[in-house]
Amino acid sequence: MPTYDYECRSCGHRFETFQSMSDDALVQCPECKKDELRRLIGGGSGIIFKGSGFYVNDSKKGSSSGSPKGQASA
């Protein structure tokens, strides 16, 4: 479930909450109880890769020499 940020236009209270994408936006402030909430537009959280297998060289079949391309062995 995504996290949404809200701010009350009346008292300025800011908070975040987990909601389903199909849920309606919240309208009542939990602090002042007025129907003055607005959903804020955030930058999002981006992609999080967990585990192994997310490296450029994992899917390439290189030479058996063991040195990456473009580098001379010493």
C-alpha atoms as a PDB file:
ATOM      1  CA  MET A   1       0.000   0.000   0.000  1.00  0.00           C
ATOM      2  CA  PRO A   2       1.274   3.467  -0.795  1.00  0.00           C
ATOM      3  CA  THR A   3       1.983   6.153   1.762  1.00  0.00           C
ATOM      4  CA  TYR A   4       0.164   9.470   1.354  1.00  0.00           C
ATOM      5  CA  ASP A   5       1.102  12.792   2.953  1.00  0.00           C
ATOM      6  CA  TYR A   6      -1.606  15.144   4.162  1.00  0.00           C
ATOM      7  CA  GLU A   7      -1.651  18.701   5.478  1.00  0.00           C
ATOM      8  CA  CYS A   8      -4.472  20.538   7.235  1.00  0.00           C
ATOM      9  CA  ARG A   9      -5.220  23.948   5.722  1.00  0.00           C
ATOM     10  CA  SER A  10      -6.667  25.108   9.029  1.00  0.00           C
ATOM     11  CA  CYS A  11      -4.123  24.166  11.708  1.00  0.00           C
ATOM     12  CA  GLY A  12      -1.105  23.165   9.562  1.00  0.00           C
ATOM     13  CA  HIS A  13      -0.867  19.614  10.980  1.00  0.00           C
ATOM     14  CA  ARG A  14       1.099  17.315   8.642  1.00  0.00           C
ATOM     15  CA  PHE A  15       1.093  13.522   8.707  1.00  0.00           C
ATOM     16  CA  GLU A  16       1.403  10.464   6.504  1.00  0.00           C
ATOM     17  CA  THR A  17      -0.814   7.425   6.298  1.00  0.00           C
ATOM     18  CA  PHE A  18      -0.989   4.100   4.462  1.00  0.00           C
ATOM     19  CA  GLN A  19      -3.984   3.853   2.136  1.00  0.00           C
ATOM     20  CA  SER A  20      -5.044   1.679  -0.727  1.00  0.00           C
ATOM     21  CA  MET A  21      -4.954   3.401  -4.101  1.00  0.00           C
ATOM     22  CA  SER A  22      -8.698   2.852  -4.407  1.00  0.00           C
ATOM     23  CA  ASP A  23      -9.493   4.570  -1.066  1.00  0.00           C
ATOM     24  CA  ASP A  24     -10.958   8.066  -1.078  1.00  0.00           C
ATOM     25  CA  ALA A  25      -8.727  10.883   0.122  1.00  0.00           C
ATOM     26  CA  LEU A  26      -9.054  11.786   3.802  1.00  0.00           C
ATOM     27  CA  VAL A  27     -10.902  15.031   4.553  1.00  0.00           C
ATOM     28  CA  GLN A  28     -10.984  15.414   8.362  1.00  0.00           C
ATOM     29  CA  CYS A  29      -7.895  16.526  10.278  1.00  0.00           C
ATOM     30  CA  PRO A  30      -7.085  14.210  13.216  1.00  0.00           C
ATOM     31  CA  GLU A  31      -5.873  17.215  15.290  1.00  0.00           C
ATOM     32  CA  CYS A  32      -8.461  19.964  14.871  1.00  0.00           C
ATOM     33  CA  LYS A  33     -11.292  17.772  13.451  1.00  0.00           C
ATOM     34  CA  LYS A  34     -12.025  20.258  10.633  1.00  0.00           C
ATOM     35  CA  ASP A  35     -12.634  19.108   7.064  1.00  0.00           C
ATOM     36  CA  GLU A  36      -9.614  20.992   5.738  1.00  0.00           C
ATOM     37  CA  LEU A  37      -7.153  18.245   4.706  1.00  0.00           C
ATOM     38  CA  ARG A  38      -5.383  18.222   1.406  1.00  0.00           C
ATOM     39  CA  ARG A  39      -3.288  15.413  -0.029  1.00  0.00           C
ATOM     40  CA  LEU A  40       0.244  16.529  -0.818  1.00  0.00           C
ATOM     41  CA  ILE A  41       2.097  15.542  -3.961  1.00  0.00           C
ATOM     42  CA  GLY A  42       5.329  13.797  -3.051  1.00  0.00           C
ATOM     43  CA  GLY A  43       8.324  12.666  -5.000  1.00  0.00           C
ATOM     44  CA  GLY A  44       7.614   9.006  -4.349  1.00  0.00           C
ATOM     45  CA  SER A  45      10.012   6.491  -2.974  1.00  0.00           C
ATOM     46  CA  GLY A  46      11.523   4.995  -6.118  1.00  0.00           C
ATOM     47  CA  ILE A  47      12.514   1.404  -6.712  1.00  0.00           C
ATOM     48  CA  ILE A  48      14.171  -0.628  -3.988  1.00  0.00           C
ATOM     49  CA  PHE A  49      16.201  -3.643  -5.095  1.00  0.00           C
ATOM     50  CA  LYS A  50      16.712  -6.344  -2.497  1.00  0.00           C
ATOM     51  CA  GLY A  51      18.762  -9.480  -2.818  1.00  0.00           C
ATOM     52  CA  SER A  52      21.386 -10.523  -5.301  1.00  0.00           C
ATOM     53  CA  GLY A  53      21.255 -10.448  -9.064  1.00  0.00           C
ATOM     54  CA  PHE A  54      20.894  -6.736  -9.735  1.00  0.00           C
ATOM     55  CA  TYR A  55      24.365  -6.018 -10.996  1.00  0.00           C
ATOM     56  CA  VAL A  56      25.298  -5.161 -14.579  1.00  0.00           C
ATOM     57  CA  ASN A  57      27.734  -8.040 -14.855  1.00  0.00           C
ATOM     58  CA  ASP A  58      25.294 -10.681 -13.536  1.00  0.00           C
ATOM     59  CA  SER A  59      23.582 -11.181 -16.862  1.00  0.00           C
ATOM     60  CA  LYS A  60      26.586 -10.806 -19.162  1.00  0.00           C
ATOM     61  CA  LYS A  61      28.596 -13.744 -20.320  1.00  0.00           C
ATOM     62  CA  GLY A  62      32.179 -12.486 -20.359  1.00  0.00           C
ATOM     63  CA  SER A  63      35.479 -14.048 -21.211  1.00  0.00           C
ATOM     64  CA  SER A  64      36.953 -16.681 -18.949  1.00  0.00           C
ATOM     65  CA  SER A  65      40.053 -14.586 -18.200  1.00  0.00           C
ATOM     66  CA  GLY A  66      38.373 -12.991 -15.199  1.00  0.00           C
ATOM     67  CA  SER A  67      39.299  -9.368 -15.993  1.00  0.00           C
ATOM     68  CA  PRO A  68      36.587  -6.908 -17.042  1.00  0.00           C
ATOM     69  CA  LYS A  69      36.608  -5.581 -20.602  1.00  0.00           C
ATOM     70  CA  GLY A  70      38.825  -2.595 -21.175  1.00  0.00           C
ATOM     71  CA  GLN A  71      41.152  -3.306 -18.274  1.00  0.00           C
ATOM     72  CA  ALA A  72      44.557  -4.826 -18.701  1.00  0.00           C
ATOM     73  CA  SER A  73      45.692  -7.424 -16.208  1.00  0.00           C
ATOM     74  CA  ALA A  74      48.809  -6.493 -14.254  1.00  0.00           C
END
